[in-house]
């Protein structure tokens, strides 16, 4: 888990660096540029400390430098986040499913509240699906010859 968070922070740091190199930096005020530089320095220092902490363990050194392991860990993390969203959706749908089989009947207002809650969750689920698909595409483009062992790892 620590390794996945380290990889995600590396991606954020790279985005900040790209923002600093981009043309919109010329439109920013001096204070905004200084804030951006300070956040980059702070984040890179935090990453360096975490990296030193993680590389102190002998088993982690090989994993840290392996690009394939990194992409597989990020893919696993995206899949785990997507699974959490699926569990939340199942929990919201449970009264509907139980009312059809064993439970008491639901009224129209409660059904509408459930459907409204499901619709409110849709953008978050779409975000996690897109993140999973992006991680999968990154893995497949960098390692096209590798086959994933899990058939559930194909894009959604």
Protein backbone atom coordinates (compact mmCIF):
# COMPACT_ATOMS: atom_id res chain seq x y z
CA UNK A 1 0.00 0.00 0.00
CA UNK A 2 2.85 2.37 0.81
CA UNK A 3 4.42 1.61 -2.54
CA UNK A 4 1.19 2.38 -4.41
CA UNK A 5 0.81 5.70 -2.61
CA UNK A 6 4.44 6.49 -3.46
CA UNK A 7 3.79 5.80 -7.14
CA UNK A 8 0.68 7.99 -7.09
CA UNK A 9 2.60 10.83 -5.46
CA UNK A 10 5.29 10.47 -8.14
CA UNK A 11 2.60 10.92 -10.79
CA UNK A 12 1.32 14.06 -9.05
CA UNK A 13 4.85 15.42 -8.85
CA UNK A 14 5.33 14.80 -12.57
CA UNK A 15 2.08 16.65 -13.32
CA UNK A 16 3.25 19.62 -11.27
CA UNK A 17 6.58 19.64 -13.09
CA UNK A 18 4.80 19.53 -16.45
CA UNK A 19 2.63 22.43 -15.35
CA UNK A 20 5.77 24.38 -14.52
CA UNK A 21 7.15 23.68 -18.01
CA UNK A 22 3.88 24.53 -19.77
CA UNK A 23 3.04 27.79 -21.53
CA UNK A 24 0.37 28.77 -19.00
CA UNK A 25 3.12 29.47 -16.46
CA UNK A 26 3.81 32.77 -18.26
CA UNK A 27 0.26 33.93 -17.46
CA UNK A 28 0.60 33.14 -13.75
CA UNK A 29 1.53 35.72 -11.16
CA UNK A 30 4.82 35.59 -9.31
CA UNK A 31 3.06 34.41 -6.16
CA UNK A 32 1.38 31.51 -8.00
CA UNK A 33 4.73 30.45 -9.49
CA UNK A 34 6.36 30.59 -6.06
CA UNK A 35 3.54 28.52 -4.56
CA UNK A 36 3.91 25.96 -7.35
CA UNK A 37 7.67 25.75 -6.81
CA UNK A 38 7.20 25.41 -3.05
CA UNK A 39 4.68 22.59 -3.49
CA UNK A 40 7.01 20.80 -5.92
CA UNK A 41 9.92 21.09 -3.48
CA UNK A 42 7.81 19.94 -0.53
CA UNK A 43 6.36 16.98 -2.42
CA UNK A 44 9.75 15.91 -3.75
CA UNK A 45 11.22 16.06 -0.24
CA UNK A 46 8.36 13.95 1.13
CA UNK A 47 8.85 11.44 -1.68
CA UNK A 48 12.57 11.25 -0.99
CA UNK A 49 11.88 10.53 2.71
CA UNK A 50 9.32 7.84 1.87
CA UNK A 51 11.68 6.31 -0.67
CA UNK A 52 14.48 6.16 1.90
CA UNK A 53 12.09 4.55 4.37
CA UNK A 54 10.91 1.95 1.84
CA UNK A 55 14.30 1.13 0.37
CA UNK A 56 15.61 0.40 3.83
CA UNK A 57 13.82 -2.94 3.49
CA UNK A 58 15.88 -5.34 1.36
CA UNK A 59 12.90 -6.96 -0.39
CA UNK A 60 11.62 -3.65 -1.74
CA UNK A 61 14.70 -2.57 -3.71
CA UNK A 62 14.00 -4.83 -6.69
CA UNK A 63 10.34 -3.87 -6.80
CA UNK A 64 11.03 -0.15 -6.62
CA UNK A 65 13.04 -0.11 -9.85
CA UNK A 66 10.89 -2.55 -11.83
CA UNK A 67 8.55 -0.69 -14.20
CA UNK A 68 6.34 -3.73 -14.78
CA UNK A 69 5.79 -4.25 -11.04
CA UNK A 70 4.98 -0.57 -10.68
CA UNK A 71 2.34 -0.68 -13.41
CA UNK A 72 0.86 -3.92 -12.06
CA UNK A 73 0.61 -2.42 -8.57
CA UNK A 74 -1.11 0.67 -9.94
CA UNK A 75 -3.48 -1.56 -11.93
CA UNK A 76 -4.23 -3.60 -8.82
CA UNK A 77 -4.89 -0.42 -6.82
CA UNK A 78 -7.29 0.91 -9.47
CA UNK A 79 -9.08 -2.43 -9.51
CA UNK A 80 -9.36 -2.44 -5.70
CA UNK A 81 -10.83 1.09 -5.74
CA UNK A 82 -13.31 -0.02 -8.37
CA UNK A 83 -14.27 -3.02 -6.23
CA UNK A 84 -14.97 -0.72 -3.27
CA UNK A 85 -17.34 1.30 -5.46
CA UNK A 86 -19.09 -1.90 -6.58
CA UNK A 87 -19.60 -2.92 -2.95
CA UNK A 88 -21.12 0.49 -2.16
CA UNK A 89 -23.51 0.18 -5.10
CA UNK A 90 -24.54 -3.31 -3.99
CA UNK A 91 -25.22 -1.96 -0.49
CA UNK A 92 -27.43 0.79 -1.92
CA UNK A 93 -29.33 -1.70 -4.11
CA UNK A 94 -29.85 -4.25 -1.35
CA UNK A 95 -33.27 -2.98 -0.16
CA UNK A 96 -34.52 -3.10 -3.75
CA UNK A 97 -33.32 -6.65 -4.27
CA UNK A 98 -34.65 -7.85 -0.92
CA UNK A 99 -38.05 -6.28 -1.53
CA UNK A 100 -38.44 -8.43 -4.62
CA UNK A 101 -37.61 -11.68 -2.84
CA UNK A 102 -38.01 -11.80 0.94
CA UNK A 103 -38.33 -8.34 2.41
CA UNK A 104 -41.21 -5.98 2.93
CA UNK A 105 -42.41 -3.93 0.00
CA UNK A 106 -40.80 -0.59 -0.62
CA UNK A 107 -42.78 2.52 -1.27
CA UNK A 108 -42.34 4.81 -4.23
CA UNK A 109 -40.53 7.46 -2.18
CA UNK A 110 -37.95 5.03 -0.84
CA UNK A 111 -37.36 3.58 -4.31
CA UNK A 112 -36.91 7.09 -5.69
CA UNK A 113 -34.41 7.90 -2.94
CA UNK A 114 -32.45 4.73 -3.73
CA UNK A 115 -32.39 5.46 -7.47
CA UNK A 116 -31.38 9.07 -6.78
CA UNK A 117 -28.50 7.86 -4.57
CA UNK A 118 -27.39 5.47 -7.31
CA UNK A 119 -27.46 8.27 -9.88
CA UNK A 120 -25.44 10.50 -7.55
CA UNK A 121 -22.79 7.78 -7.31
CA UNK A 122 -22.49 7.40 -11.09
CA UNK A 123 -19.82 10.13 -11.69
CA UNK A 124 -17.56 8.67 -9.00
CA UNK A 125 -17.88 5.19 -10.47
CA UNK A 126 -17.14 6.53 -13.95
CA UNK A 127 -14.01 8.22 -12.59
CA UNK A 128 -12.77 4.94 -11.11
CA UNK A 129 -13.58 3.02 -14.30
CA UNK A 130 -11.65 5.58 -16.34
CA UNK A 131 -8.70 5.35 -13.92
CA UNK A 132 -8.69 1.56 -14.24
CA UNK A 133 -8.85 1.73 -18.03
CA UNK A 134 -6.02 4.27 -18.07
CA UNK A 135 -3.83 2.04 -15.87
CA UNK A 136 -4.65 -0.96 -18.05
CA UNK A 137 -3.80 0.95 -21.23
CA UNK A 138 -0.49 2.11 -19.72
CA UNK A 139 0.42 -1.47 -18.85
CA UNK A 140 -0.56 -2.87 -22.25
CA UNK A 141 1.30 -0.16 -24.19
CA UNK A 142 4.52 -0.64 -22.23
CA UNK A 143 4.34 -4.45 -22.08
CA UNK A 144 2.33 -5.67 -25.10
CA UNK A 145 3.80 -9.19 -24.97
CA UNK A 146 2.79 -9.82 -21.37
CA UNK A 147 -0.49 -11.56 -20.67
CA UNK A 148 -2.31 -10.72 -17.47
CA UNK A 149 -3.16 -13.81 -15.47
CA UNK A 150 -6.56 -12.54 -14.42
CA UNK A 151 -9.22 -12.42 -17.12
CA UNK A 152 -10.99 -9.69 -15.13
CA UNK A 153 -8.14 -7.27 -15.89
CA UNK A 154 -9.43 -6.33 -19.30
CA UNK A 155 -10.73 -2.80 -19.85
CA UNK A 156 -14.26 -1.96 -18.80
